[in-house]
Amino acid sequence: MTAWVRGRVQGVGFRWFTRAAALRIGGLEGFVVNLGDGRVQVVAEGGRLQGEALLEWLRSDDTPGKVDGVTEIWGRPRGGYTGFVIR
């Protein structure tokens, strides 16, 4: 699953908290990265339920900053990730 998060999500610890949420949910590998246009991109591979739980968290009021919207696409895992990291 790849998600793009819009809003005030850079400079507020969003990547750190996203990584912490992915680790708390468990069973996810991938990364979170700031994009040049102000969005944050999240790439997560693992079980569908875990990916949906991460999306639910991204859309919740529990995130730092202010999320205006989340767009996601689901695809086949590519592999090659070890753990869940901040880029």
PDB file of N, CA and C in Angstrom:
ATOM      1  N   MET A   1       0.852  -1.163   0.000  1.00  0.00           N
ATOM      2  CA  MET A   1       0.000   0.000   0.000  1.00  0.00           C
ATOM      3  C   MET A   1       0.900   1.227   0.000  1.00  0.00           C
ATOM      4  N   THR A   2       0.579   2.155  -0.864  1.00  0.00           N
ATOM      5  CA  THR A   2       1.258   3.439  -0.874  1.00  0.00           C
ATOM      6  C   THR A   2       0.221   4.506  -0.567  1.00  0.00           C
ATOM      7  N   ALA A   3       0.547   5.385   0.377  1.00  0.00           N
ATOM      8  CA  ALA A   3      -0.373   6.451   0.768  1.00  0.00           C
ATOM      9  C   ALA A   3       0.347   7.790   0.687  1.00  0.00           C
ATOM     10  N   TRP A   4      -0.406   8.805   0.274  1.00  0.00           N
ATOM     11  CA  TRP A   4       0.092  10.171   0.262  1.00  0.00           C
ATOM     12  C   TRP A   4      -0.779  10.973   1.215  1.00  0.00           C
ATOM     13  N   VAL A   5      -0.121  11.626   2.170  1.00  0.00           N
ATOM     14  CA  VAL A   5      -0.830  12.354   3.221  1.00  0.00           C
ATOM     15  C   VAL A   5      -0.656  13.848   2.974  1.00  0.00           C
ATOM     16  N   ARG A   6      -1.781  14.574   2.892  1.00  0.00           N
ATOM     17  CA  ARG A   6      -1.786  16.010   2.662  1.00  0.00           C
ATOM     18  C   ARG A   6      -2.135  16.751   3.944  1.00  0.00           C
ATOM     19  N   GLY A   7      -1.635  17.969   4.046  1.00  0.00           N
ATOM     20  CA  GLY A   7      -1.942  18.818   5.188  1.00  0.00           C
ATOM     21  C   GLY A   7      -0.666  19.388   5.781  1.00  0.00           C
ATOM     22  N   ARG A   8      -0.757  19.771   7.046  1.00  0.00           N
ATOM     23  CA  ARG A   8       0.435  20.257   7.755  1.00  0.00           C
ATOM     24  C   ARG A   8       1.081  19.037   8.404  1.00  0.00           C
ATOM     25  N   VAL A   9       1.892  18.338   7.611  1.00  0.00           N
ATOM     26  CA  VAL A   9       2.433  17.056   8.045  1.00  0.00           C
ATOM     27  C   VAL A   9       3.963  17.006   7.966  1.00  0.00           C
ATOM     28  N   GLN A  10       4.585  18.125   7.683  1.00  0.00           N
ATOM     29  CA  GLN A  10       6.046  18.172   7.707  1.00  0.00           C
ATOM     30  C   GLN A  10       6.487  19.141   8.800  1.00  0.00           C
ATOM     31  N   GLY A  11       7.573  18.791   9.474  1.00  0.00           N
ATOM     32  CA  GLY A  11       8.083  19.635  10.542  1.00  0.00           C
ATOM     33  C   GLY A  11       7.341  19.473  11.859  1.00  0.00           C
ATOM     34  N   VAL A  12       6.547  18.400  11.990  1.00  0.00           N
ATOM     35  CA  VAL A  12       5.750  18.189  13.205  1.00  0.00           C
ATOM     36  C   VAL A  12       5.969  16.798  13.798  1.00  0.00           C
ATOM     37  N   GLY A  13       6.980  16.073  13.312  1.00  0.00           N
ATOM     38  CA  GLY A  13       7.250  14.729  13.816  1.00  0.00           C
ATOM     39  C   GLY A  13       6.390  13.648  13.165  1.00  0.00           C
ATOM     40  N   PHE A  14       5.756  13.979  12.053  1.00  0.00           N
ATOM     41  CA  PHE A  14       4.821  13.049  11.420  1.00  0.00           C
ATOM     42  C   PHE A  14       5.488  11.741  11.016  1.00  0.00           C
ATOM     43  N   ARG A  15       6.679  11.825  10.432  1.00  0.00           N
ATOM     44  CA  ARG A  15       7.361  10.595  10.008  1.00  0.00           C
ATOM     45  C   ARG A  15       7.690   9.707  11.204  1.00  0.00           C
ATOM     46  N   TRP A  16       8.175  10.310  12.281  1.00  0.00           N
ATOM     47  CA  TRP A  16       8.532   9.533  13.469  1.00  0.00           C
ATOM     48  C   TRP A  16       7.302   8.822  14.029  1.00  0.00           C
ATOM     49  N   PHE A  17       6.194   9.545  14.156  1.00  0.00           N
ATOM     50  CA  PHE A  17       4.973   8.947  14.699  1.00  0.00           C
ATOM     51  C   PHE A  17       4.388   7.895  13.760  1.00  0.00           C
ATOM     52  N   THR A  18       4.540   8.110  12.443  1.00  0.00           N
ATOM     53  CA  THR A  18       4.057   7.108  11.484  1.00  0.00           C
ATOM     54  C   THR A  18       4.859   5.824  11.628  1.00  0.00           C
ATOM     55  N   ARG A  19       6.165   5.942  11.750  1.00  0.00           N
ATOM     56  CA  ARG A  19       7.002   4.754  11.960  1.00  0.00           C
ATOM     57  C   ARG A  19       6.597   4.051  13.247  1.00  0.00           C
ATOM     58  N   ALA A  20       6.401   4.816  14.321  1.00  0.00           N
ATOM     59  CA  ALA A  20       5.999   4.233  15.599  1.00  0.00           C
ATOM     60  C   ALA A  20       4.655   3.509  15.470  1.00  0.00           C
ATOM     61  N   ALA A  21       3.720   4.081  14.724  1.00  0.00           N
ATOM     62  CA  ALA A  21       2.412   3.440  14.526  1.00  0.00           C
ATOM     63  C   ALA A  21       2.574   2.138  13.749  1.00  0.00           C
ATOM     64  N   ALA A  22       3.400   2.155  12.699  1.00  0.00           N
ATOM     65  CA  ALA A  22       3.626   0.934  11.909  1.00  0.00           C
ATOM     66  C   ALA A  22       4.252  -0.158  12.760  1.00  0.00           C
ATOM     67  N   LEU A  23       5.199   0.209  13.612  1.00  0.00           N
ATOM     68  CA  LEU A  23       5.840  -0.784  14.483  1.00  0.00           C
ATOM     69  C   LEU A  23       4.860  -1.297  15.531  1.00  0.00           C
ATOM     70  N   ARG A  24       4.014  -0.430  16.052  1.00  0.00           N
ATOM     71  CA  ARG A  24       3.012  -0.835  17.050  1.00  0.00           C
ATOM     72  C   ARG A  24       1.987  -1.799  16.422  1.00  0.00           C
ATOM     73  N   ILE A  25       1.561  -1.506  15.205  1.00  0.00           N
ATOM     74  CA  ILE A  25       0.614  -2.375  14.503  1.00  0.00           C
ATOM     75  C   ILE A  25       1.273  -3.721  14.224  1.00  0.00           C
ATOM     76  N   GLY A  26       2.524  -3.685  13.806  1.00  0.00           N
ATOM     77  CA  GLY A  26       3.283  -4.905  13.545  1.00  0.00           C
ATOM     78  C   GLY A  26       2.993  -5.497  12.181  1.00  0.00           C
ATOM     79  N   GLY A  27       3.911  -6.311  11.708  1.00  0.00           N
ATOM     80  CA  GLY A  27       3.722  -7.010  10.448  1.00  0.00           C
ATOM     81  C   GLY A  27       3.852  -6.142   9.212  1.00  0.00           C
ATOM     82  N   LEU A  28       4.419  -4.941   9.350  1.00  0.00           N
ATOM     83  CA  LEU A  28       4.575  -4.033   8.218  1.00  0.00           C
ATOM     84  C   LEU A  28       6.047  -3.725   7.991  1.00  0.00           C
ATOM     85  N   GLU A  29       6.411  -3.643   6.729  1.00  0.00           N
ATOM     86  CA  GLU A  29       7.744  -3.211   6.338  1.00  0.00           C
ATOM     87  C   GLU A  29       7.575  -2.120   5.301  1.00  0.00           C
ATOM     88  N   GLY A  30       8.513  -1.189   5.255  1.00  0.00           N
ATOM     89  CA  GLY A  30       8.442  -0.123   4.274  1.00  0.00           C
ATOM     90  C   GLY A  30       9.114   1.127   4.773  1.00  0.00           C
ATOM     91  N   PHE A  31       8.559   2.282   4.375  1.00  0.00           N
ATOM     92  CA  PHE A  31       9.189   3.542   4.749  1.00  0.00           C
ATOM     93  C   PHE A  31       8.181   4.681   4.725  1.00  0.00           C
ATOM     94  N   VAL A  32       8.616   5.802   5.301  1.00  0.00           N
ATOM     95  CA  VAL A  32       7.861   7.055   5.275  1.00  0.00           C
ATOM     96  C   VAL A  32       8.853   8.150   4.906  1.00  0.00           C
ATOM     97  N   VAL A  33       8.436   9.057   4.011  1.00  0.00           N
ATOM     98  CA  VAL A  33       9.353  10.079   3.504  1.00  0.00           C
ATOM     99  C   VAL A  33       8.598  11.382   3.241  1.00  0.00           C
ATOM    100  N   ASN A  34       9.261  12.511   3.512  1.00  0.00           N
ATOM    101  CA  ASN A  34       8.716  13.812   3.143  1.00  0.00           C
ATOM    102  C   ASN A  34       8.891  14.011   1.646  1.00  0.00           C
ATOM    103  N   LEU A  35       7.887  14.575   0.983  1.00  0.00           N
ATOM    104  CA  LEU A  35       7.974  14.910  -0.427  1.00  0.00           C
ATOM    105  C   LEU A  35       8.175  16.414  -0.589  1.00  0.00           C
ATOM    106  N   GLY A  36       8.735  16.806  -1.698  1.00  0.00           N
ATOM    107  CA  GLY A  36       9.038  18.206  -1.945  1.00  0.00           C
ATOM    108  C   GLY A  36       7.826  19.115  -2.019  1.00  0.00           C
ATOM    109  N   ASP A  37       6.644  18.550  -2.267  1.00  0.00           N
ATOM    110  CA  ASP A  37       5.432  19.367  -2.377  1.00  0.00           C
ATOM    111  C   ASP A  37       4.683  19.516  -1.055  1.00  0.00           C
ATOM    112  N   GLY A  38       5.293  19.056   0.054  1.00  0.00           N
ATOM    113  CA  GLY A  38       4.676  19.212   1.374  1.00  0.00           C
ATOM    114  C   GLY A  38       3.908  17.999   1.858  1.00  0.00           C
ATOM    115  N   ARG A  39       3.706  17.011   0.994  1.00  0.00           N
ATOM    116  CA  ARG A  39       3.025  15.783   1.416  1.00  0.00           C
ATOM    117  C   ARG A  39       4.030  14.825   2.043  1.00  0.00           C
ATOM    118  N   VAL A  40       3.488  13.803   2.685  1.00  0.00           N
ATOM    119  CA  VAL A  40       4.284  12.692   3.203  1.00  0.00           C
ATOM    120  C   VAL A  40       3.824  11.435   2.478  1.00  0.00           C
ATOM    121  N   GLN A  41       4.788  10.644   2.008  1.00  0.00           N
ATOM    122  CA  GLN A  41       4.482   9.378   1.349  1.00  0.00           C
ATOM    123  C   GLN A  41       4.787   8.241   2.310  1.00  0.00           C
ATOM    124  N   VAL A  42       3.872   7.283   2.370  1.00  0.00           N
ATOM    125  CA  VAL A  42       4.024   6.106   3.214  1.00  0.00           C
ATOM    126  C   VAL A  42       3.925   4.873   2.312  1.00  0.00           C
ATOM    127  N   VAL A  43       4.940   4.025   2.347  1.00  0.00           N
ATOM    128  CA  VAL A  43       4.914   2.758   1.621  1.00  0.00           C
ATOM    129  C   VAL A  43       4.959   1.653   2.665  1.00  0.00           C
ATOM    130  N   ALA A  44       3.923   0.826   2.704  1.00  0.00           N
ATOM    131  CA  ALA A  44       3.833  -0.228   3.712  1.00  0.00           C
ATOM    132  C   ALA A  44       3.468  -1.549   3.048  1.00  0.00           C
ATOM    133  N   GLU A  45       4.247  -2.563   3.330  1.00  0.00           N
ATOM    134  CA  GLU A  45       3.968  -3.905   2.843  1.00  0.00           C
ATOM    135  C   GLU A  45       3.730  -4.817   4.034  1.00  0.00           C
ATOM    136  N   GLY A  46       2.777  -5.710   3.876  1.00  0.00           N
ATOM    137  CA  GLY A  46       2.424  -6.645   4.933  1.00  0.00           C
ATOM    138  C   GLY A  46       0.997  -7.118   4.699  1.00  0.00           C
ATOM    139  N   GLY A  47       0.354  -7.532   5.758  1.00  0.00           N
ATOM    140  CA  GLY A  47      -1.020  -7.996   5.646  1.00  0.00           C
ATOM    141  C   GLY A  47      -1.999  -6.871   5.376  1.00  0.00           C
ATOM    142  N   ARG A  48      -3.091  -7.210   4.721  1.00  0.00           N
ATOM    143  CA  ARG A  48      -4.115  -6.211   4.397  1.00  0.00           C
ATOM    144  C   ARG A  48      -4.678  -5.564   5.659  1.00  0.00           C
ATOM    145  N   LEU A  49      -4.939  -6.364   6.691  1.00  0.00           N
ATOM    146  CA  LEU A  49      -5.487  -5.806   7.933  1.00  0.00           C
ATOM    147  C   LEU A  49      -4.527  -4.809   8.569  1.00  0.00           C
ATOM    148  N   GLN A  50      -3.230  -5.106   8.530  1.00  0.00           N
ATOM    149  CA  GLN A  50      -2.230  -4.198   9.097  1.00  0.00           C
ATOM    150  C   GLN A  50      -2.170  -2.905   8.280  1.00  0.00           C
ATOM    151  N   GLY A  51      -2.218  -3.025   6.954  1.00  0.00           N
ATOM    152  CA  GLY A  51      -2.223  -1.836   6.113  1.00  0.00           C
ATOM    153  C   GLY A  51      -3.450  -0.973   6.354  1.00  0.00           C
ATOM    154  N   GLU A  52      -4.590  -1.612   6.507  1.00  0.00           N
ATOM    155  CA  GLU A  52      -5.816  -0.863   6.799  1.00  0.00           C
ATOM    156  C   GLU A  52      -5.745  -0.193   8.169  1.00  0.00           C
ATOM    157  N   ALA A  53      -5.119  -0.863   9.135  1.00  0.00           N
ATOM    158  CA  ALA A  53      -4.965  -0.259  10.465  1.00  0.00           C
ATOM    159  C   ALA A  53      -4.067   0.975  10.391  1.00  0.00           C
ATOM    160  N   LEU A  54      -3.013   0.917   9.584  1.00  0.00           N
ATOM    161  CA  LEU A  54      -2.141   2.081   9.431  1.00  0.00           C
ATOM    162  C   LEU A  54      -2.896   3.216   8.744  1.00  0.00           C
ATOM    163  N   LEU A  55      -3.667   2.916   7.720  1.00  0.00           N
ATOM    164  CA  LEU A  55      -4.481   3.945   7.060  1.00  0.00           C
ATOM    165  C   LEU A  55      -5.472   4.574   8.028  1.00  0.00           C
ATOM    166  N   GLU A  56      -6.093   3.754   8.848  1.00  0.00           N
ATOM    167  CA  GLU A  56      -7.034   4.274   9.844  1.00  0.00           C
ATOM    168  C   GLU A  56      -6.320   5.249  10.776  1.00  0.00           C
ATOM    169  N   TRP A  57      -5.107   4.895  11.194  1.00  0.00           N
ATOM    170  CA  TRP A  57      -4.346   5.794  12.064  1.00  0.00           C
ATOM    171  C   TRP A  57      -3.998   7.084  11.324  1.00  0.00           C
ATOM    172  N   LEU A  58      -3.561   6.976  10.054  1.00  0.00           N
ATOM    173  CA  LEU A  58      -3.202   8.165   9.284  1.00  0.00           C
ATOM    174  C   LEU A  58      -4.377   9.126   9.162  1.00  0.00           C
ATOM    175  N   ARG A  59      -5.581   8.601   9.125  1.00  0.00           N
ATOM    176  CA  ARG A  59      -6.789   9.434   8.978  1.00  0.00           C
ATOM    177  C   ARG A  59      -7.378   9.864  10.315  1.00  0.00           C
ATOM    178  N   SER A  60      -6.792   9.432  11.406  1.00  0.00           N
ATOM    179  CA  SER A  60      -7.347   9.721  12.732  1.00  0.00           C
ATOM    180  C   SER A  60      -6.895  11.083  13.244  1.00  0.00           C
ATOM    181  N   ASP A  61      -7.447  11.479  14.366  1.00  0.00           N
ATOM    182  CA  ASP A  61      -7.031  12.711  15.035  1.00  0.00           C
ATOM    183  C   ASP A  61      -5.815  12.494  15.916  1.00  0.00           C
ATOM    184  N   ASP A  62      -5.244  11.290  15.900  1.00  0.00           N
ATOM    185  CA  ASP A  62      -4.106  10.940  16.755  1.00  0.00           C
ATOM    186  C   ASP A  62      -2.774  11.306  16.115  1.00  0.00           C
ATOM    187  N   THR A  63      -2.775  11.776  14.873  1.00  0.00           N
ATOM    188  CA  THR A  63      -1.530  12.113  14.187  1.00  0.00           C
ATOM    189  C   THR A  63      -1.067  13.509  14.584  1.00  0.00           C
ATOM    190  N   PRO A  64       0.241  13.755  14.515  1.00  0.00           N
ATOM    191  CA  PRO A  64       0.720  15.122  14.755  1.00  0.00           C
ATOM    192  C   PRO A  64       0.391  16.003  13.551  1.00  0.00           C
ATOM    193  N   GLY A  65       0.382  17.302  13.751  1.00  0.00           N
ATOM    194  CA  GLY A  65       0.063  18.211  12.665  1.00  0.00           C
ATOM    195  C   GLY A  65      -1.421  18.180  12.359  1.00  0.00           C
ATOM    196  N   LYS A  66      -1.746  18.394  11.094  1.00  0.00           N
ATOM    197  CA  LYS A  66      -3.154  18.387  10.672  1.00  0.00           C
ATOM    198  C   LYS A  66      -3.241  17.713   9.310  1.00  0.00           C
ATOM    199  N   VAL A  67      -3.897  16.573   9.288  1.00  0.00           N
ATOM    200  CA  VAL A  67      -4.082  15.831   8.045  1.00  0.00           C
ATOM    201  C   VAL A  67      -5.343  16.341   7.350  1.00  0.00           C
ATOM    202  N   ASP A  68      -5.176  16.798   6.109  1.00  0.00           N
ATOM    203  CA  ASP A  68      -6.326  17.249   5.314  1.00  0.00           C
ATOM    204  C   ASP A  68      -6.892  16.128   4.455  1.00  0.00           C
ATOM    205  N   GLY A  69      -6.081  15.111   4.170  1.00  0.00           N
ATOM    206  CA  GLY A  69      -6.568  14.006   3.365  1.00  0.00           C
ATOM    207  C   GLY A  69      -5.490  12.969   3.133  1.00  0.00           C
ATOM    208  N   VAL A  70      -5.925  11.761   2.858  1.00  0.00           N
ATOM    209  CA  VAL A  70      -5.017  10.647   2.577  1.00  0.00           C
ATOM    210  C   VAL A  70      -5.537   9.940   1.327  1.00  0.00           C
ATOM    211  N   THR A  71      -4.657   9.766   0.368  1.00  0.00           N
ATOM    212  CA  THR A  71      -4.967   9.016  -0.844  1.00  0.00           C
ATOM    213  C   THR A  71      -4.081   7.782  -0.849  1.00  0.00           C
ATOM    214  N   GLU A  72      -4.678   6.625  -1.149  1.00  0.00           N
ATOM    215  CA  GLU A  72      -3.875   5.405  -1.142  1.00  0.00           C
ATOM    216  C   GLU A  72      -4.142   4.570  -2.374  1.00  0.00           C
ATOM    217  N   ILE A  73      -3.161   3.765  -2.710  1.00  0.00           N
ATOM    218  CA  ILE A  73      -3.327   2.739  -3.738  1.00  0.00           C
ATOM    219  C   ILE A  73      -2.795   1.434  -3.163  1.00  0.00           C
ATOM    220  N   TRP A  74      -3.412   0.356  -3.577  1.00  0.00           N
ATOM    221  CA  TRP A  74      -2.987  -0.971  -3.149  1.00  0.00           C
ATOM    222  C   TRP A  74      -2.383  -1.678  -4.344  1.00  0.00           C
ATOM    223  N   GLY A  75      -1.312  -2.384  -4.120  1.00  0.00           N
ATOM    224  CA  GLY A  75      -0.671  -3.115  -5.202  1.00  0.00           C
ATOM    225  C   GLY A  75       0.013  -4.357  -4.659  1.00  0.00           C
ATOM    226  N   ARG A  76       0.684  -5.037  -5.542  1.00  0.00           N
ATOM    227  CA  ARG A  76       1.435  -6.232  -5.135  1.00  0.00           C
ATOM    228  C   ARG A  76       2.695  -5.809  -4.409  1.00  0.00           C
ATOM    229  N   PRO A  77       3.050  -6.508  -3.336  1.00  0.00           N
ATOM    230  CA  PRO A  77       4.302  -6.199  -2.640  1.00  0.00           C
ATOM    231  C   PRO A  77       5.497  -6.381  -3.574  1.00  0.00           C
ATOM    232  N   ARG A  78       6.447  -5.468  -3.476  1.00  0.00           N
ATOM    233  CA  ARG A  78       7.673  -5.547  -4.262  1.00  0.00           C
ATOM    234  C   ARG A  78       8.797  -6.203  -3.484  1.00  0.00           C
ATOM    235  N   GLY A  79       8.686  -6.147  -2.156  1.00  0.00           N
ATOM    236  CA  GLY A  79       9.737  -6.713  -1.316  1.00  0.00           C
ATOM    237  C   GLY A  79      10.957  -5.811  -1.268  1.00  0.00           C
ATOM    238  N   GLY A  80      11.973  -6.300  -0.602  1.00  0.00           N
ATOM    239  CA  GLY A  80      13.210  -5.545  -0.509  1.00  0.00           C
ATOM    240  C   GLY A  80      13.292  -4.610   0.674  1.00  0.00           C
ATOM    241  N   TYR A  81      12.275  -4.567   1.502  1.00  0.00           N
ATOM    242  CA  TYR A  81      12.287  -3.709   2.679  1.00  0.00           C
ATOM    243  C   TYR A  81      12.628  -4.540   3.905  1.00  0.00           C
ATOM    244  N   THR A  82      13.394  -3.928   4.787  1.00  0.00           N
ATOM    245  CA  THR A  82      13.704  -4.555   6.069  1.00  0.00           C
ATOM    246  C   THR A  82      13.256  -3.597   7.157  1.00  0.00           C
ATOM    247  N   GLY A  83      12.250  -3.970   7.898  1.00  0.00           N
ATOM    248  CA  GLY A  83      11.729  -3.096   8.940  1.00  0.00           C
ATOM    249  C   GLY A  83      10.909  -1.958   8.340  1.00  0.00           C
ATOM    250  N   PHE A  84      10.657  -0.961   9.151  1.00  0.00           N
ATOM    251  CA  PHE A  84       9.916   0.218   8.713  1.00  0.00           C
ATOM    252  C   PHE A  84      10.763   1.424   9.073  1.00  0.00           C
ATOM    253  N   VAL A  85      11.220   2.170   8.078  1.00  0.00           N
ATOM    254  CA  VAL A  85      12.226   3.213   8.306  1.00  0.00           C
ATOM    255  C   VAL A  85      11.721   4.583   7.878  1.00  0.00           C
ATOM    256  N   ILE A  86      12.407   5.588   8.389  1.00  0.00           N
ATOM    257  CA  ILE A  86      12.200   6.990   7.998  1.00  0.00           C
ATOM    258  C   ILE A  86      13.260   7.312   6.961  1.00  0.00           C
ATOM    259  N   ARG A  87      12.834   7.880   5.871  1.00  0.00           N
ATOM    260  CA  ARG A  87      13.797   8.301   4.833  1.00  0.00           C
ATOM    261  C   ARG A  87      13.848   9.815   4.767  1.00  0.00           C
TER     262      ARG A  87
END
